[in-house]
Structure formats: C-alpha cells, structure tokens
C-alpha cells in the first residue's frame, strides 16, 4: 500500500462499510470463513422477512439467535476511530454503512453524517401499531422465556433492520446515491459487495467520476472498477488511508 496517490487532493469522501470493519471489535462478519451465515446457513431463513412474519416458530429461533449475536460489550476499533478523526479534521466525510451496530456513531462520527442503509439494532418496531421501542427491553423478555415477544397491542415485534427479502427504505437509498455521486473518492471497506442495491453505489460513484478504492480481505464483484484494491488488515489499512487523506 505504498502508492496512495489517489488520496491527493480529495476533499469529499464517501465511505461504504460492511461487516468486515467491525470484526476487530469482536463482531463476526457474515460470509467469511467464520461468518454468521457460513457457520449456520439455515439461519438466513430466520432473518428473511417473509419467514419471520409468517411463523411464530421462526420468530422464536430468530430471537434466540439474535440474543446471541446482539453484543453490548463491543467498542469501536481503530478503523471506526480513524474515520471519525478524519471528519473532525475538516475533510467532508459521509459514511454509508451496511452495519447495524452503531459503532461509527460511538467512535465519534456525527449522527447526521452516518447513513444506516440496513437500519439499526438499537430499536424494534411493532408491525401492528407502529410503535418503536428499545431492543434491550425485548431481549430481557426473551431471556426470561418469551420465544415470540409481542407488542402490548398484540402485534409482531421486528428489529428496525432490513431483513433478507425486504427493500431498503427509498428515501435512505436516494440519499445514499446522492452522496456517492457527489464524492471524489468512494472507499468501500469490509464489504463483500454482494448485497444490492448497496453494493451498486460503487459503480454509481465511478460513473459520476469518483475514484473507487476497495479494502477487503476477499475479492469482490467490483474489484475491476477500482483504482486500488487493498487486502491488508482493515485495522491498519484504514488508519493509514486516513492519514494520507488528512495530509492532502
């Protein structure tokens, strides 16, 4: 990663982040060798909206799996912190994250500059009355034995995340596309770039004139479009990239 000439003169940066940026915080990715879906492919069915809404048995499996995946002891890592520091230094940074862990915000990236493409784990929504509540209160009920926790109105409770088979919020996607098209550099970090339409933001940015740099352990479908593809560990690569950008 000696040649980072693509970092020179960049004042507008869009960053797409996937599960790989959070593995150094202790969260597993999804499609890697030890990924959540790799270790238990059947779990994808429980995280599919149609299955979740149709079956109390599936919801029971989902909530118990979700309880194991939901971590309150994790902290942002060097990559999250480097991006937040870069923004504080004056470069216009916008984070488009596929993650639902909230670690960018906890690292110091302003809420208004982080667009959560796939929602957030922090809250749950009632599919009946529409009420939103804290996830922690629901998980407390699951721990006490509630396999299919319900809202007070009797409605199904669903985490405020985009499940398989569910469309991204149109307004959120439109904003993400605007940000990608306005960037000078589009940095894709820790994403397999296999989940659309989020991954297609890479192509949109390139078509609008941005340079694409991909930081990921494994090959992605968008590598051929990239100015640079970096296979180094995210925890060291991202801080180095941020230092190069800060020295613009």
C-alpha atoms as a PDB file:
ATOM      1  CA  UNK A   1       0.000   0.000   0.000  1.00  0.00           C
ATOM      2  CA  UNK A   2       2.922   2.312  -0.751  1.00  0.00           C
ATOM      3  CA  UNK A   3       1.275   4.204  -3.618  1.00  0.00           C
ATOM      4  CA  UNK A   4      -1.675   6.204  -2.365  1.00  0.00           C
ATOM      5  CA  UNK A   5      -1.511   8.962  -4.963  1.00  0.00           C
ATOM      6  CA  UNK A   6      -5.291   8.576  -5.337  1.00  0.00           C
ATOM      7  CA  UNK A   7      -5.627  10.213  -1.900  1.00  0.00           C
ATOM      8  CA  UNK A   8      -4.160  13.526  -3.056  1.00  0.00           C
ATOM      9  CA  UNK A   9      -6.490  16.484  -3.283  1.00  0.00           C
ATOM     10  CA  UNK A  10      -9.571  14.640  -2.002  1.00  0.00           C
ATOM     11  CA  UNK A  11     -11.980  16.906  -0.141  1.00  0.00           C
ATOM     12  CA  UNK A  12     -15.201  14.870  -0.480  1.00  0.00           C
ATOM     13  CA  UNK A  13     -15.118  11.267   0.718  1.00  0.00           C
ATOM     14  CA  UNK A  14     -17.920   8.701   0.767  1.00  0.00           C
ATOM     15  CA  UNK A  15     -17.271   5.525   2.744  1.00  0.00           C
ATOM     16  CA  UNK A  16     -19.309   2.337   2.366  1.00  0.00           C
ATOM     17  CA  UNK A  17     -18.680  -0.001   5.293  1.00  0.00           C
ATOM     18  CA  UNK A  18     -19.632  -3.643   5.744  1.00  0.00           C
ATOM     19  CA  UNK A  19     -19.281  -6.222   8.489  1.00  0.00           C
ATOM     20  CA  UNK A  20     -15.522  -6.531   7.985  1.00  0.00           C
ATOM     21  CA  UNK A  21     -14.847  -3.157   9.585  1.00  0.00           C
ATOM     22  CA  UNK A  22     -16.331  -4.384  12.871  1.00  0.00           C
ATOM     23  CA  UNK A  23     -14.569  -7.751  13.180  1.00  0.00           C
ATOM     24  CA  UNK A  24     -11.696  -6.155  15.133  1.00  0.00           C
ATOM     25  CA  UNK A  25     -14.333  -5.090  17.670  1.00  0.00           C
ATOM     26  CA  UNK A  26     -15.249  -8.738  18.212  1.00  0.00           C
ATOM     27  CA  UNK A  27     -18.263  -8.959  15.915  1.00  0.00           C
ATOM     28  CA  UNK A  28     -18.261 -11.771  13.332  1.00  0.00           C
ATOM     29  CA  UNK A  29     -18.748 -10.968   9.670  1.00  0.00           C
ATOM     30  CA  UNK A  30     -21.393 -12.810   7.656  1.00  0.00           C
ATOM     31  CA  UNK A  31     -19.747 -14.517   4.698  1.00  0.00           C
ATOM     32  CA  UNK A  32     -16.143 -15.054   5.832  1.00  0.00           C
ATOM     33  CA  UNK A  33     -14.720 -18.414   6.975  1.00  0.00           C
ATOM     34  CA  UNK A  34     -16.106 -17.846  10.487  1.00  0.00           C
ATOM     35  CA  UNK A  35     -19.055 -15.761   9.343  1.00  0.00           C
ATOM     36  CA  UNK A  36     -22.536 -15.995  10.794  1.00  0.00           C
ATOM     37  CA  UNK A  37     -24.100 -17.307   7.567  1.00  0.00           C
ATOM     38  CA  UNK A  38     -21.094 -19.524   6.801  1.00  0.00           C
ATOM     39  CA  UNK A  39     -21.289 -21.335  10.145  1.00  0.00           C
ATOM     40  CA  UNK A  40     -25.087 -21.662  10.098  1.00  0.00           C
ATOM     41  CA  UNK A  41     -26.561 -21.178   6.588  1.00  0.00           C
ATOM     42  CA  UNK A  42     -30.025 -22.179   7.826  1.00  0.00           C
ATOM     43  CA  UNK A  43     -30.065 -19.062   9.985  1.00  0.00           C
ATOM     44  CA  UNK A  44     -30.603 -16.993   6.845  1.00  0.00           C
ATOM     45  CA  UNK A  45     -34.166 -18.334   6.777  1.00  0.00           C
ATOM     46  CA  UNK A  46     -34.901 -16.849  10.198  1.00  0.00           C
ATOM     47  CA  UNK A  47     -33.532 -13.486   9.031  1.00  0.00           C
ATOM     48  CA  UNK A  48     -35.803 -13.466   5.969  1.00  0.00           C
ATOM     49  CA  UNK A  49     -38.772 -11.138   6.377  1.00  0.00           C
ATOM     50  CA  UNK A  50     -41.396 -13.434   4.842  1.00  0.00           C
ATOM     51  CA  UNK A  51     -40.423 -16.343   7.085  1.00  0.00           C
ATOM     52  CA  UNK A  52     -40.146 -14.130  10.159  1.00  0.00           C
ATOM     53  CA  UNK A  53     -43.628 -12.664   9.755  1.00  0.00           C
ATOM     54  CA  UNK A  54     -45.269 -15.967   8.830  1.00  0.00           C
ATOM     55  CA  UNK A  55     -44.176 -18.230  11.676  1.00  0.00           C
ATOM     56  CA  UNK A  56     -44.038 -17.920  15.473  1.00  0.00           C
ATOM     57  CA  UNK A  57     -41.570 -20.830  15.437  1.00  0.00           C
ATOM     58  CA  UNK A  58     -39.235 -18.912  13.108  1.00  0.00           C
ATOM     59  CA  UNK A  59     -39.512 -15.825  15.321  1.00  0.00           C
ATOM     60  CA  UNK A  60     -38.620 -17.932  18.334  1.00  0.00           C
ATOM     61  CA  UNK A  61     -35.490 -19.161  16.533  1.00  0.00           C
ATOM     62  CA  UNK A  62     -34.690 -15.650  15.355  1.00  0.00           C
ATOM     63  CA  UNK A  63     -34.885 -14.052  18.787  1.00  0.00           C
ATOM     64  CA  UNK A  64     -32.690 -16.677  20.405  1.00  0.00           C
ATOM     65  CA  UNK A  65     -30.118 -16.351  17.620  1.00  0.00           C
ATOM     66  CA  UNK A  66     -30.409 -12.569  17.762  1.00  0.00           C
ATOM     67  CA  UNK A  67     -29.812 -12.593  21.525  1.00  0.00           C
ATOM     68  CA  UNK A  68     -26.528 -14.426  20.952  1.00  0.00           C
ATOM     69  CA  UNK A  69     -25.447 -12.016  18.189  1.00  0.00           C
ATOM     70  CA  UNK A  70     -26.512  -8.822  19.982  1.00  0.00           C
ATOM     71  CA  UNK A  71     -23.485  -7.602  21.918  1.00  0.00           C
ATOM     72  CA  UNK A  72     -23.412  -4.736  24.392  1.00  0.00           C
ATOM     73  CA  UNK A  73     -19.744  -5.169  25.310  1.00  0.00           C
ATOM     74  CA  UNK A  74     -18.244  -4.166  21.972  1.00  0.00           C
ATOM     75  CA  UNK A  75     -16.319  -0.966  21.341  1.00  0.00           C
ATOM     76  CA  UNK A  76     -15.330   0.900  18.162  1.00  0.00           C
ATOM     77  CA  UNK A  77     -11.937  -0.070  16.795  1.00  0.00           C
ATOM     78  CA  UNK A  78      -9.064   1.796  15.110  1.00  0.00           C
ATOM     79  CA  UNK A  79     -10.812   1.902  11.724  1.00  0.00           C
ATOM     80  CA  UNK A  80     -14.011   3.460  13.110  1.00  0.00           C
ATOM     81  CA  UNK A  81     -11.956   5.963  15.099  1.00  0.00           C
ATOM     82  CA  UNK A  82      -9.738   6.920  12.151  1.00  0.00           C
ATOM     83  CA  UNK A  83     -12.767   7.786  10.001  1.00  0.00           C
ATOM     84  CA  UNK A  84     -14.284   9.874  12.812  1.00  0.00           C
ATOM     85  CA  UNK A  85     -10.987  11.710  13.330  1.00  0.00           C
ATOM     86  CA  UNK A  86     -10.677  12.384   9.601  1.00  0.00           C
ATOM     87  CA  UNK A  87     -14.079  14.071   9.660  1.00  0.00           C
ATOM     88  CA  UNK A  88     -13.096  16.186  12.672  1.00  0.00           C
ATOM     89  CA  UNK A  89     -10.009  17.275  10.725  1.00  0.00           C
ATOM     90  CA  UNK A  90     -12.141  19.063   8.156  1.00  0.00           C
ATOM     91  CA  UNK A  91     -12.447  16.644   5.254  1.00  0.00           C
ATOM     92  CA  UNK A  92     -16.064  16.130   4.203  1.00  0.00           C
ATOM     93  CA  UNK A  93     -16.716  12.503   5.186  1.00  0.00           C
ATOM     94  CA  UNK A  94     -20.018  10.712   4.727  1.00  0.00           C
ATOM     95  CA  UNK A  95     -20.400   7.146   5.981  1.00  0.00           C
ATOM     96  CA  UNK A  96     -22.843   4.811   4.254  1.00  0.00           C
ATOM     97  CA  UNK A  97     -22.908   1.718   6.415  1.00  0.00           C
ATOM     98  CA  UNK A  98     -24.428  -1.691   5.825  1.00  0.00           C
ATOM     99  CA  UNK A  99     -23.820  -2.409   9.510  1.00  0.00           C
ATOM    100  CA  UNK A 100     -26.454  -2.147  12.196  1.00  0.00           C
ATOM    101  CA  UNK A 101     -24.085  -1.983  15.189  1.00  0.00           C
ATOM    102  CA  UNK A 102     -23.869   1.803  15.697  1.00  0.00           C
ATOM    103  CA  UNK A 103     -20.085   1.716  16.096  1.00  0.00           C
ATOM    104  CA  UNK A 104     -19.399   4.613  13.718  1.00  0.00           C
ATOM    105  CA  UNK A 105     -21.501   6.933  15.857  1.00  0.00           C
ATOM    106  CA  UNK A 106     -19.943   5.656  19.069  1.00  0.00           C
ATOM    107  CA  UNK A 107     -16.493   6.347  17.604  1.00  0.00           C
ATOM    108  CA  UNK A 108     -17.449   9.987  17.132  1.00  0.00           C
ATOM    109  CA  UNK A 109     -18.828  10.221  13.603  1.00  0.00           C
ATOM    110  CA  UNK A 110     -21.786  12.646  13.805  1.00  0.00           C
ATOM    111  CA  UNK A 111     -25.211  11.031  13.528  1.00  0.00           C
ATOM    112  CA  UNK A 112     -26.128  13.270  10.591  1.00  0.00           C
ATOM    113  CA  UNK A 113     -23.079  12.066   8.647  1.00  0.00           C
ATOM    114  CA  UNK A 114     -23.769   8.353   9.081  1.00  0.00           C
ATOM    115  CA  UNK A 115     -26.445   6.792   6.879  1.00  0.00           C
ATOM    116  CA  UNK A 116     -27.540   3.372   8.142  1.00  0.00           C
ATOM    117  CA  UNK A 117     -28.566   1.607   4.940  1.00  0.00           C
ATOM    118  CA  UNK A 118     -29.822  -1.526   6.687  1.00  0.00           C
ATOM    119  CA  UNK A 119     -31.239   0.022   9.841  1.00  0.00           C
ATOM    120  CA  UNK A 120     -30.212  -0.275  13.472  1.00  0.00           C
ATOM    121  CA  UNK A 121     -30.159  -2.968  16.141  1.00  0.00           C
ATOM    122  CA  UNK A 122     -30.947  -0.415  18.840  1.00  0.00           C
ATOM    123  CA  UNK A 123     -34.716  -0.458  18.353  1.00  0.00           C
ATOM    124  CA  UNK A 124     -37.620  -2.709  17.392  1.00  0.00           C
ATOM    125  CA  UNK A 125     -40.831  -1.807  15.572  1.00  0.00           C
ATOM    126  CA  UNK A 126     -44.344  -3.163  16.042  1.00  0.00           C
ATOM    127  CA  UNK A 127     -45.832  -4.372  12.770  1.00  0.00           C
ATOM    128  CA  UNK A 128     -49.279  -3.714  14.227  1.00  0.00           C
ATOM    129  CA  UNK A 129     -49.422  -0.244  15.764  1.00  0.00           C
ATOM    130  CA  UNK A 130     -46.042   1.014  14.521  1.00  0.00           C
ATOM    131  CA  UNK A 131     -44.670   1.795  17.988  1.00  0.00           C
ATOM    132  CA  UNK A 132     -40.885   1.799  18.330  1.00  0.00           C
ATOM    133  CA  UNK A 133     -39.144   0.612  21.496  1.00  0.00           C
ATOM    134  CA  UNK A 134     -35.671  -0.268  22.780  1.00  0.00           C
ATOM    135  CA  UNK A 135     -34.263  -3.635  21.732  1.00  0.00           C
ATOM    136  CA  UNK A 136     -32.868  -4.230  25.219  1.00  0.00           C
ATOM    137  CA  UNK A 137     -36.353  -4.376  26.730  1.00  0.00           C
ATOM    138  CA  UNK A 138     -37.373  -7.064  24.233  1.00  0.00           C
ATOM    139  CA  UNK A 139     -34.213  -9.123  24.796  1.00  0.00           C
ATOM    140  CA  UNK A 140     -34.868  -9.036  28.533  1.00  0.00           C
ATOM    141  CA  UNK A 141     -38.209 -10.690  27.845  1.00  0.00           C
ATOM    142  CA  UNK A 142     -36.572 -13.249  25.548  1.00  0.00           C
ATOM    143  CA  UNK A 143     -34.058 -14.105  28.287  1.00  0.00           C
ATOM    144  CA  UNK A 144     -37.000 -14.615  30.654  1.00  0.00           C
ATOM    145  CA  UNK A 145     -38.500 -17.179  28.278  1.00  0.00           C
ATOM    146  CA  UNK A 146     -40.570 -15.235  25.743  1.00  0.00           C
ATOM    147  CA  UNK A 147     -39.968 -17.020  22.442  1.00  0.00           C
ATOM    148  CA  UNK A 148     -42.150 -14.718  20.355  1.00  0.00           C
ATOM    149  CA  UNK A 149     -42.318 -11.404  22.239  1.00  0.00           C
ATOM    150  CA  UNK A 150     -45.243  -9.209  21.197  1.00  0.00           C
ATOM    151  CA  UNK A 151     -46.165  -5.556  21.470  1.00  0.00           C
ATOM    152  CA  UNK A 152     -48.781  -4.508  24.012  1.00  0.00           C
ATOM    153  CA  UNK A 153     -51.234  -4.279  21.112  1.00  0.00           C
ATOM    154  CA  UNK A 154     -50.522  -7.922  20.218  1.00  0.00           C
ATOM    155  CA  UNK A 155     -48.542  -7.035  17.103  1.00  0.00           C
ATOM    156  CA  UNK A 156     -45.345  -8.756  15.939  1.00  0.00           C
ATOM    157  CA  UNK A 157     -42.145  -7.049  17.042  1.00  0.00           C
ATOM    158  CA  UNK A 158     -39.375  -6.828  14.443  1.00  0.00           C
ATOM    159  CA  UNK A 159     -35.910  -5.277  14.830  1.00  0.00           C
ATOM    160  CA  UNK A 160     -35.502  -1.988  12.965  1.00  0.00           C
ATOM    161  CA  UNK A 161     -33.254  -3.640  10.385  1.00  0.00           C
ATOM    162  CA  UNK A 162     -33.626  -4.576   6.736  1.00  0.00           C
ATOM    163  CA  UNK A 163     -34.054  -8.345   6.530  1.00  0.00           C
ATOM    164  CA  UNK A 164     -33.485 -10.578   3.525  1.00  0.00           C
ATOM    165  CA  UNK A 165     -36.337 -10.101   1.075  1.00  0.00           C
ATOM    166  CA  UNK A 166     -37.076  -6.617   2.363  1.00  0.00           C
ATOM    167  CA  UNK A 167     -36.481  -3.460   0.306  1.00  0.00           C
ATOM    168  CA  UNK A 168     -34.255  -0.666   1.521  1.00  0.00           C
ATOM    169  CA  UNK A 169     -36.071   2.493   2.517  1.00  0.00           C
ATOM    170  CA  UNK A 170     -36.451   4.521  -0.688  1.00  0.00           C
ATOM    171  CA  UNK A 171     -35.521   7.845   0.900  1.00  0.00           C
ATOM    172  CA  UNK A 172     -32.407   6.366   2.518  1.00  0.00           C
ATOM    173  CA  UNK A 173     -31.280   4.788  -0.755  1.00  0.00           C
ATOM    174  CA  UNK A 174     -31.878   8.032  -2.679  1.00  0.00           C
ATOM    175  CA  UNK A 175     -29.760   9.953  -0.176  1.00  0.00           C
ATOM    176  CA  UNK A 176     -27.001   7.329  -0.408  1.00  0.00           C
ATOM    177  CA  UNK A 177     -26.967   7.628  -4.194  1.00  0.00           C
ATOM    178  CA  UNK A 178     -26.702  11.411  -3.980  1.00  0.00           C
ATOM    179  CA  UNK A 179     -23.758  11.134  -1.577  1.00  0.00           C
ATOM    180  CA  UNK A 180     -21.999   8.543  -3.735  1.00  0.00           C
ATOM    181  CA  UNK A 181     -22.418  10.625  -6.887  1.00  0.00           C
ATOM    182  CA  UNK A 182     -21.049  13.748  -5.173  1.00  0.00           C
ATOM    183  CA  UNK A 183     -17.895  12.064  -3.837  1.00  0.00           C
ATOM    184  CA  UNK A 184     -14.390  12.426  -5.242  1.00  0.00           C
ATOM    185  CA  UNK A 185     -13.256   9.205  -3.595  1.00  0.00           C
ATOM    186  CA  UNK A 186     -15.523   6.265  -2.782  1.00  0.00           C
ATOM    187  CA  UNK A 187     -13.966   3.982  -0.193  1.00  0.00           C
ATOM    188  CA  UNK A 188     -15.548   0.529   0.271  1.00  0.00           C
ATOM    189  CA  UNK A 189     -14.358  -1.119   3.496  1.00  0.00           C
ATOM    190  CA  UNK A 190     -15.019  -4.631   4.758  1.00  0.00           C
ATOM    191  CA  UNK A 191     -17.916  -5.407   2.450  1.00  0.00           C
ATOM    192  CA  UNK A 192     -18.276  -8.450   0.212  1.00  0.00           C
ATOM    193  CA  UNK A 193     -20.164  -6.104  -2.158  1.00  0.00           C
ATOM    194  CA  UNK A 194     -22.597  -8.923  -2.847  1.00  0.00           C
ATOM    195  CA  UNK A 195     -25.691  -7.320  -1.321  1.00  0.00           C
ATOM    196  CA  UNK A 196     -27.583  -4.996  -3.645  1.00  0.00           C
ATOM    197  CA  UNK A 197     -28.527  -2.236  -4.049  1.00  0.00           C
ATOM    198  CA  UNK A 198     -25.925  -1.017  -1.531  1.00  0.00           C
ATOM    199  CA  UNK A 199     -23.023  -2.546  -3.469  1.00  0.00           C
ATOM    200  CA  UNK A 200     -24.083  -0.804  -6.687  1.00  0.00           C
ATOM    201  CA  UNK A 201     -23.178   2.525  -5.067  1.00  0.00           C
ATOM    202  CA  UNK A 202     -19.598   1.671  -6.075  1.00  0.00           C
ATOM    203  CA  UNK A 203     -20.480   1.704  -9.775  1.00  0.00           C
ATOM    204  CA  UNK A 204     -22.627   4.816  -9.394  1.00  0.00           C
ATOM    205  CA  UNK A 205     -19.732   6.711  -7.807  1.00  0.00           C
ATOM    206  CA  UNK A 206     -17.297   5.649 -10.555  1.00  0.00           C
ATOM    207  CA  UNK A 207     -19.774   6.610 -13.278  1.00  0.00           C
ATOM    208  CA  UNK A 208     -20.062  10.063 -11.667  1.00  0.00           C
ATOM    209  CA  UNK A 209     -16.288  10.497 -11.805  1.00  0.00           C
ATOM    210  CA  UNK A 210     -15.112   9.291  -8.383  1.00  0.00           C
ATOM    211  CA  UNK A 211     -12.173   7.004  -7.771  1.00  0.00           C
ATOM    212  CA  UNK A 212     -13.083   3.693  -6.110  1.00  0.00           C
ATOM    213  CA  UNK A 213     -10.793   2.100  -3.529  1.00  0.00           C
ATOM    214  CA  UNK A 214     -11.770  -1.259  -2.016  1.00  0.00           C
ATOM    215  CA  UNK A 215     -10.366  -2.504   1.292  1.00  0.00           C
ATOM    216  CA  UNK A 216     -11.425  -6.115   1.771  1.00  0.00           C
ATOM    217  CA  UNK A 217      -9.789  -9.438   2.546  1.00  0.00           C
ATOM    218  CA  UNK A 218     -11.527 -11.311  -0.291  1.00  0.00           C
ATOM    219  CA  UNK A 219     -12.236 -10.457  -3.947  1.00  0.00           C
ATOM    220  CA  UNK A 220     -15.472  -8.590  -4.679  1.00  0.00           C
ATOM    221  CA  UNK A 221     -17.610  -8.206  -7.822  1.00  0.00           C
ATOM    222  CA  UNK A 222     -16.468  -4.562  -8.097  1.00  0.00           C
ATOM    223  CA  UNK A 223     -12.681  -5.032  -7.940  1.00  0.00           C
ATOM    224  CA  UNK A 224     -12.316  -4.456 -11.691  1.00  0.00           C
ATOM    225  CA  UNK A 225     -13.766  -0.940 -11.325  1.00  0.00           C
ATOM    226  CA  UNK A 226     -11.390   0.036  -8.539  1.00  0.00           C
ATOM    227  CA  UNK A 227      -8.398   2.350  -8.768  1.00  0.00           C
ATOM    228  CA  UNK A 228      -6.893   0.325  -5.922  1.00  0.00           C
ATOM    229  CA  UNK A 229      -7.773  -2.905  -4.118  1.00  0.00           C
ATOM    230  CA  UNK A 230      -6.210  -3.303  -0.687  1.00  0.00           C
ATOM    231  CA  UNK A 231      -6.026  -6.710   1.002  1.00  0.00           C
ATOM    232  CA  UNK A 232      -4.197  -5.580   4.135  1.00  0.00           C
ATOM    233  CA  UNK A 233      -5.967  -5.869   7.524  1.00  0.00           C
ATOM    234  CA  UNK A 234      -8.628  -3.207   7.898  1.00  0.00           C
ATOM    235  CA  UNK A 235      -7.386  -2.193  11.346  1.00  0.00           C
ATOM    236  CA  UNK A 236      -4.084  -0.997   9.888  1.00  0.00           C
ATOM    237  CA  UNK A 237      -5.112  -0.131   6.317  1.00  0.00           C
ATOM    238  CA  UNK A 238      -7.902   2.318   7.172  1.00  0.00           C
ATOM    239  CA  UNK A 239      -5.875   4.444   9.639  1.00  0.00           C
ATOM    240  CA  UNK A 240      -3.073   4.610   7.039  1.00  0.00           C
ATOM    241  CA  UNK A 241      -5.525   5.721   4.342  1.00  0.00           C
ATOM    242  CA  UNK A 242      -6.990   8.333   6.680  1.00  0.00           C
ATOM    243  CA  UNK A 243      -3.511   9.704   7.441  1.00  0.00           C
ATOM    244  CA  UNK A 244      -2.831  10.004   3.702  1.00  0.00           C
ATOM    245  CA  UNK A 245      -6.141  11.796   3.159  1.00  0.00           C
ATOM    246  CA  UNK A 246      -5.529  14.130   6.099  1.00  0.00           C
ATOM    247  CA  UNK A 247      -2.192  15.107   4.559  1.00  0.00           C
ATOM    248  CA  UNK A 248      -3.874  16.218   1.356  1.00  0.00           C
END
